Structures are given as C-alpha cells and as structure tokens.
Amino acid sequence: MALARLVRPGRFLLIAGEDGQAWCEAAEKIAAQSGLPLDAIRIGHLDGDYRDLRSTWTAARGHTPQGAVLVRPDRFVGWRAYGTATDPAAELTTALDTLLAR
C-alpha cells in the first residue's frame, strides 16, 4: 500500500516495524491524552497491521523491526527512531513537540 494512502489528511502517522508495538502504544496514548491527530500502524514482513510480503518497506524504512518513523500530515518523514526506546512515549512527545514548534 502506498504511503500516500496511509497518511490521512491533516493527521500524523507513526509507522513502526513489526516488533514496534511499544511505539504504537505510545502514539495511541499521546493521541488520546492530547487530542493530537495521530494514527499508528505496524508494517512487517511476518507480522503487522500491514504485511510487506516483498520486503519493500522493510528495505527502505531506515530502522530496525523495533523502530519507527513519524510521518507529518504533508507526507514527509519528520522523525525516525532506529530501534527501541526506554520510554517511547517521552521520545515521541519530544519529537512531536519539535515538529509542532516549527
């Protein structure tokens, strides 16, 4: 599925690897608490909300299966986490604060 179809108008999208459930949970928590328009999905070769059977996304994503990217509403990647984090919610909040301050 093309990235353009995944990013809904006016919304941020966190795309995590197949083992990036902690990032998705953090995004859902932040969205619920702040009202920020933020969606979260996992894409993986073996598991995820979307399956990457040809490993196209897996090869291009620039992070491990535990990492994530944050796509801005204009469909540009605004932030990337290479792997896991001790506190995904804190790291994602900092990234969003930085992006929203611009």
Protein backbone atom coordinates (compact mmCIF):
# COMPACT_ATOMS: atom_id res chain seq x y z
CA MET A 1 0.00 0.00 0.00
CA ALA A 2 1.38 3.41 -0.94
CA LEU A 3 2.35 5.80 1.85
CA ALA A 4 0.05 8.44 0.37
CA ARG A 5 -2.93 6.18 1.04
CA LEU A 6 -1.89 5.52 4.64
CA VAL A 7 -1.45 9.15 5.70
CA ARG A 8 -4.89 10.61 6.23
CA PRO A 9 -5.35 14.33 5.52
CA GLY A 10 -4.38 16.56 8.45
CA ARG A 11 -3.03 13.68 10.55
CA PHE A 12 0.37 12.43 11.68
CA LEU A 13 1.17 8.76 11.12
CA LEU A 14 3.59 6.69 13.18
CA ILE A 15 4.78 3.67 11.20
CA ALA A 16 6.55 1.09 13.33
CA GLY A 17 8.31 -2.09 12.34
CA GLU A 18 6.74 -5.44 13.06
CA ASP A 19 8.26 -5.51 16.56
CA GLY A 20 7.47 -1.85 17.29
CA GLN A 21 4.26 -2.31 19.26
CA ALA A 22 5.61 -0.11 22.08
CA TRP A 23 5.82 2.83 19.65
CA CYS A 24 2.22 2.27 18.53
CA GLU A 25 1.00 2.09 22.12
CA ALA A 26 2.86 5.32 22.92
CA ALA A 27 1.30 7.05 19.90
CA GLU A 28 -2.19 5.90 20.86
CA LYS A 29 -1.66 7.14 24.43
CA ILE A 30 -0.40 10.54 23.25
CA ALA A 31 -3.30 10.93 20.81
CA ALA A 32 -5.86 10.05 23.48
CA GLN A 33 -4.37 12.41 26.08
CA SER A 34 -3.65 15.37 23.81
CA GLY A 35 -6.27 15.11 21.10
CA LEU A 36 -3.48 15.30 18.52
CA PRO A 37 -4.47 13.77 15.16
CA LEU A 38 -2.06 10.84 15.28
CA ASP A 39 -2.52 7.35 13.86
CA ALA A 40 -0.20 4.38 14.41
CA ILE A 41 0.41 1.21 12.42
CA ARG A 42 2.97 -1.58 12.18
CA ILE A 43 4.37 -2.83 8.88
CA GLY A 44 6.35 -6.03 8.76
CA HIS A 45 7.35 -8.96 6.62
CA LEU A 46 5.93 -11.57 9.00
CA ASP A 47 3.60 -9.57 11.26
CA GLY A 48 1.91 -6.19 11.44
CA ASP A 49 -1.21 -4.23 10.58
CA TYR A 50 0.10 -4.25 7.02
CA ARG A 51 2.23 -7.07 5.61
CA ASP A 52 5.24 -6.27 3.45
CA LEU A 53 5.50 -9.54 1.56
CA ARG A 54 8.15 -8.28 -0.86
CA SER A 55 10.13 -6.54 1.93
CA THR A 56 10.00 -3.26 0.00
CA TRP A 57 9.19 -1.16 3.07
CA THR A 58 11.48 -3.25 5.26
CA ALA A 59 14.43 -2.45 2.99
CA ALA A 60 13.69 1.29 2.77
CA ARG A 61 12.47 2.21 6.26
CA GLY A 62 15.85 3.05 7.79
CA HIS A 63 15.24 1.39 11.16
CA THR A 64 15.16 -2.00 12.83
CA PRO A 65 11.96 -4.04 13.27
CA GLN A 66 11.67 -2.37 16.71
CA GLY A 67 11.98 1.18 15.31
CA ALA A 68 9.54 3.68 13.86
CA VAL A 69 9.14 6.74 11.67
CA LEU A 70 6.77 9.63 12.19
CA VAL A 71 5.18 10.95 9.01
CA ARG A 72 3.92 14.52 9.06
CA PRO A 73 0.50 15.43 7.59
CA ASP A 74 2.31 16.69 4.46
CA ARG A 75 3.63 13.12 3.99
CA PHE A 76 7.26 13.84 4.82
CA VAL A 77 9.11 11.80 7.43
CA GLY A 78 9.70 14.20 10.30
CA TRP A 79 11.37 11.85 12.78
CA ARG A 80 12.92 8.39 12.95
CA ALA A 81 13.73 6.03 15.82
CA TYR A 82 16.23 3.40 14.76
CA GLY A 83 15.18 0.91 17.44
CA THR A 84 13.53 0.57 20.80
CA ALA A 85 13.47 3.24 23.50
CA THR A 86 13.42 3.15 27.26
CA ASP A 87 10.41 5.48 27.22
CA PRO A 88 8.77 5.55 23.77
CA ALA A 89 6.05 7.99 24.89
CA ALA A 90 8.62 10.54 26.12
CA GLU A 91 10.71 10.28 22.94
CA LEU A 92 7.67 10.55 20.69
CA THR A 93 6.31 13.51 22.70
CA THR A 94 9.65 15.31 22.28
CA ALA A 95 9.63 14.62 18.54
CA LEU A 96 6.07 15.87 18.16
CA ASP A 97 6.79 18.98 20.24
CA THR A 98 9.75 19.75 17.98
CA LEU A 99 7.73 19.23 14.79
CA LEU A 100 4.78 21.28 16.02
CA ALA A 101 7.04 24.17 17.12
CA ARG A 102 8.32 24.66 13.56
